[in-house]
N, C-alpha and C. Protein backbone atom coordinates (compact mmCIF):
# COMPACT_ATOMS: atom_id res chain seq x y z
N MET A 1 100.46 67.42 -56.47
CA MET A 1 99.21 68.04 -56.90
C MET A 1 98.16 67.82 -55.81
N PRO A 2 97.58 68.87 -55.25
CA PRO A 2 96.55 68.70 -54.23
C PRO A 2 95.21 68.27 -54.84
N LEU A 3 94.37 67.72 -54.00
CA LEU A 3 93.03 67.32 -54.41
C LEU A 3 92.25 68.56 -54.84
N ASN A 4 91.66 68.52 -56.03
CA ASN A 4 90.87 69.63 -56.55
C ASN A 4 89.47 69.57 -55.94
N LEU A 5 89.13 70.54 -55.13
CA LEU A 5 87.80 70.61 -54.52
C LEU A 5 86.93 71.68 -55.15
N GLU A 6 87.44 72.33 -56.18
CA GLU A 6 86.67 73.34 -56.90
C GLU A 6 85.72 72.66 -57.89
N LYS A 7 84.63 73.34 -58.23
CA LYS A 7 83.69 72.83 -59.23
C LYS A 7 84.48 72.53 -60.51
N ASN A 8 84.34 71.31 -61.01
CA ASN A 8 85.13 70.88 -62.15
C ASN A 8 84.25 70.28 -63.25
N PHE A 9 82.95 70.44 -63.14
CA PHE A 9 82.00 69.95 -64.14
C PHE A 9 81.28 71.14 -64.76
N GLU A 10 81.12 71.09 -66.06
CA GLU A 10 80.29 72.11 -66.71
C GLU A 10 78.83 71.92 -66.31
N GLN A 11 78.40 70.63 -66.27
CA GLN A 11 77.01 70.33 -65.92
C GLN A 11 76.98 69.18 -64.92
N PRO A 12 77.13 69.49 -63.62
CA PRO A 12 77.20 68.43 -62.62
C PRO A 12 75.95 67.57 -62.57
N ASP A 13 74.80 68.12 -62.93
CA ASP A 13 73.57 67.32 -62.93
C ASP A 13 73.65 66.19 -63.95
N ASP A 14 74.36 66.42 -65.06
CA ASP A 14 74.52 65.36 -66.05
C ASP A 14 75.32 64.19 -65.48
N PHE A 15 76.39 64.51 -64.73
CA PHE A 15 77.16 63.44 -64.09
C PHE A 15 76.29 62.68 -63.10
N TYR A 16 75.56 63.40 -62.27
CA TYR A 16 74.72 62.75 -61.26
C TYR A 16 73.70 61.83 -61.94
N GLN A 17 73.08 62.29 -63.00
CA GLN A 17 72.08 61.47 -63.69
C GLN A 17 72.73 60.23 -64.30
N THR A 18 73.92 60.39 -64.87
CA THR A 18 74.64 59.26 -65.45
C THR A 18 74.98 58.23 -64.37
N LEU A 19 75.40 58.71 -63.19
CA LEU A 19 75.71 57.81 -62.08
C LEU A 19 74.46 57.06 -61.62
N ILE A 20 73.37 57.77 -61.47
CA ILE A 20 72.11 57.13 -61.05
C ILE A 20 71.67 56.11 -62.09
N ASP A 21 71.75 56.46 -63.36
CA ASP A 21 71.37 55.54 -64.44
C ASP A 21 72.23 54.29 -64.43
N ALA A 22 73.51 54.43 -64.12
CA ALA A 22 74.41 53.27 -64.10
C ALA A 22 74.03 52.28 -63.00
N HIS A 23 73.39 52.77 -61.93
CA HIS A 23 72.97 51.91 -60.82
C HIS A 23 71.58 51.31 -61.01
N ARG A 24 70.86 51.80 -62.00
CA ARG A 24 69.48 51.36 -62.21
C ARG A 24 69.44 49.84 -62.42
N ASP A 25 68.51 49.19 -61.77
CA ASP A 25 68.24 47.76 -61.89
C ASP A 25 69.34 46.88 -61.31
N LEU A 26 70.25 47.45 -60.53
CA LEU A 26 71.26 46.64 -59.84
C LEU A 26 70.77 46.32 -58.44
N SER A 27 71.12 45.14 -57.95
CA SER A 27 70.84 44.81 -56.55
C SER A 27 71.75 45.67 -55.67
N ASP A 28 71.49 45.67 -54.38
CA ASP A 28 72.36 46.42 -53.46
C ASP A 28 73.80 45.93 -53.56
N ALA A 29 73.97 44.61 -53.61
CA ALA A 29 75.32 44.03 -53.70
C ALA A 29 76.00 44.42 -55.02
N GLN A 30 75.25 44.39 -56.11
CA GLN A 30 75.82 44.80 -57.40
C GLN A 30 76.17 46.28 -57.40
N SER A 31 75.33 47.10 -56.79
CA SER A 31 75.58 48.53 -56.71
C SER A 31 76.84 48.82 -55.90
N GLN A 32 77.00 48.13 -54.77
CA GLN A 32 78.20 48.30 -53.95
C GLN A 32 79.44 47.84 -54.71
N SER A 33 79.33 46.74 -55.44
CA SER A 33 80.46 46.25 -56.23
C SER A 33 80.81 47.24 -57.33
N MET A 34 79.79 47.79 -57.98
CA MET A 34 80.05 48.77 -59.03
C MET A 34 80.76 50.00 -58.46
N ASN A 35 80.30 50.47 -57.28
CA ASN A 35 80.95 51.62 -56.65
C ASN A 35 82.42 51.32 -56.35
N ALA A 36 82.69 50.13 -55.83
CA ALA A 36 84.07 49.75 -55.51
C ALA A 36 84.92 49.71 -56.79
N GLN A 37 84.37 49.14 -57.84
CA GLN A 37 85.11 49.08 -59.11
C GLN A 37 85.34 50.47 -59.68
N LEU A 38 84.34 51.34 -59.56
CA LEU A 38 84.49 52.71 -60.05
C LEU A 38 85.59 53.44 -59.28
N VAL A 39 85.63 53.27 -57.97
CA VAL A 39 86.68 53.89 -57.16
C VAL A 39 88.06 53.42 -57.62
N LEU A 40 88.20 52.12 -57.83
CA LEU A 40 89.50 51.58 -58.26
C LEU A 40 89.89 52.09 -59.65
N LEU A 41 88.95 52.15 -60.56
CA LEU A 41 89.23 52.66 -61.90
C LEU A 41 89.66 54.13 -61.86
N LEU A 42 88.94 54.93 -61.09
CA LEU A 42 89.28 56.36 -61.01
C LEU A 42 90.58 56.58 -60.25
N ALA A 43 90.84 55.78 -59.21
CA ALA A 43 92.12 55.89 -58.49
C ALA A 43 93.27 55.55 -59.42
N ASN A 44 93.11 54.52 -60.23
CA ASN A 44 94.14 54.17 -61.19
C ASN A 44 94.35 55.30 -62.19
N HIS A 45 93.28 55.93 -62.62
CA HIS A 45 93.38 57.04 -63.56
C HIS A 45 94.14 58.22 -62.93
N ILE A 46 93.84 58.51 -61.67
CA ILE A 46 94.51 59.60 -60.97
C ILE A 46 95.99 59.25 -60.79
N GLY A 47 96.25 58.07 -60.27
CA GLY A 47 97.60 57.56 -60.16
C GLY A 47 98.53 58.29 -59.20
N ASP A 48 98.03 59.17 -58.38
CA ASP A 48 98.85 59.94 -57.45
C ASP A 48 98.37 59.61 -56.03
N MET A 49 99.20 58.85 -55.29
CA MET A 49 98.78 58.40 -53.96
C MET A 49 98.49 59.54 -53.00
N ALA A 50 99.17 60.67 -53.15
CA ALA A 50 98.90 61.81 -52.27
C ALA A 50 97.49 62.32 -52.49
N VAL A 51 97.08 62.44 -53.74
CA VAL A 51 95.73 62.92 -54.06
C VAL A 51 94.69 61.88 -53.64
N ILE A 52 94.97 60.62 -53.90
CA ILE A 52 94.04 59.55 -53.52
C ILE A 52 93.89 59.51 -52.00
N GLY A 53 94.99 59.66 -51.28
CA GLY A 53 94.94 59.69 -49.82
C GLY A 53 94.11 60.84 -49.30
N GLN A 54 94.25 62.02 -49.90
CA GLN A 54 93.44 63.18 -49.51
C GLN A 54 91.97 62.90 -49.76
N ALA A 55 91.65 62.32 -50.91
CA ALA A 55 90.26 62.04 -51.26
C ALA A 55 89.66 61.02 -50.30
N LEU A 56 90.40 59.97 -49.98
CA LEU A 56 89.91 58.95 -49.06
C LEU A 56 89.68 59.53 -47.67
N ALA A 57 90.62 60.33 -47.19
CA ALA A 57 90.48 60.94 -45.87
C ALA A 57 89.28 61.87 -45.81
N LEU A 58 89.09 62.67 -46.85
CA LEU A 58 87.95 63.60 -46.88
C LEU A 58 86.63 62.84 -46.96
N ALA A 59 86.57 61.83 -47.81
CA ALA A 59 85.33 61.04 -47.94
C ALA A 59 84.99 60.36 -46.61
N ARG A 60 86.00 59.79 -45.96
CA ARG A 60 85.76 59.12 -44.67
C ARG A 60 85.28 60.13 -43.63
N SER A 61 85.93 61.26 -43.56
CA SER A 61 85.55 62.30 -42.61
C SER A 61 84.11 62.76 -42.85
N ASN A 62 83.76 62.94 -44.12
CA ASN A 62 82.40 63.37 -44.45
C ASN A 62 81.37 62.32 -44.03
N VAL A 63 81.67 61.05 -44.27
CA VAL A 63 80.74 59.99 -43.91
C VAL A 63 80.58 59.92 -42.39
N LEU A 64 81.69 60.02 -41.67
CA LEU A 64 81.62 59.94 -40.21
C LEU A 64 80.88 61.12 -39.60
N SER A 65 80.96 62.28 -40.22
CA SER A 65 80.25 63.45 -39.68
C SER A 65 78.75 63.39 -39.97
N VAL A 66 78.37 62.72 -41.04
CA VAL A 66 76.96 62.61 -41.40
C VAL A 66 76.33 61.35 -40.82
N MET A 67 77.11 60.27 -40.79
CA MET A 67 76.61 58.99 -40.34
C MET A 67 77.52 58.46 -39.24
N PRO A 68 77.33 58.92 -37.99
CA PRO A 68 78.18 58.44 -36.89
C PRO A 68 78.15 56.91 -36.83
N ASN A 69 79.13 56.35 -36.18
CA ASN A 69 79.28 54.90 -36.08
C ASN A 69 77.94 54.24 -35.78
N GLU A 70 77.46 53.45 -36.72
CA GLU A 70 76.16 52.79 -36.59
C GLU A 70 76.28 51.43 -35.92
N ALA A 71 77.51 50.97 -35.65
CA ALA A 71 77.70 49.65 -35.05
C ALA A 71 77.28 49.62 -33.59
N GLY A 72 77.33 50.77 -32.92
CA GLY A 72 77.05 50.80 -31.48
C GLY A 72 75.71 51.20 -31.21
């Protein structure tokens, strides 16, 4: 099963607001931890390494194109 990149939410703004609300009043460290836990929970739900690999590669590519290596 390939990674679904088509719109898959009836109301994407509702998801975005729920995500923002879940981060409210968290420290940066808590927010990063929550994001990591959310990724692991959703990856477990998906359960297909091919799809997870596609998602990870796309997310990494997107981050690198928007935020070039900041270490240098």
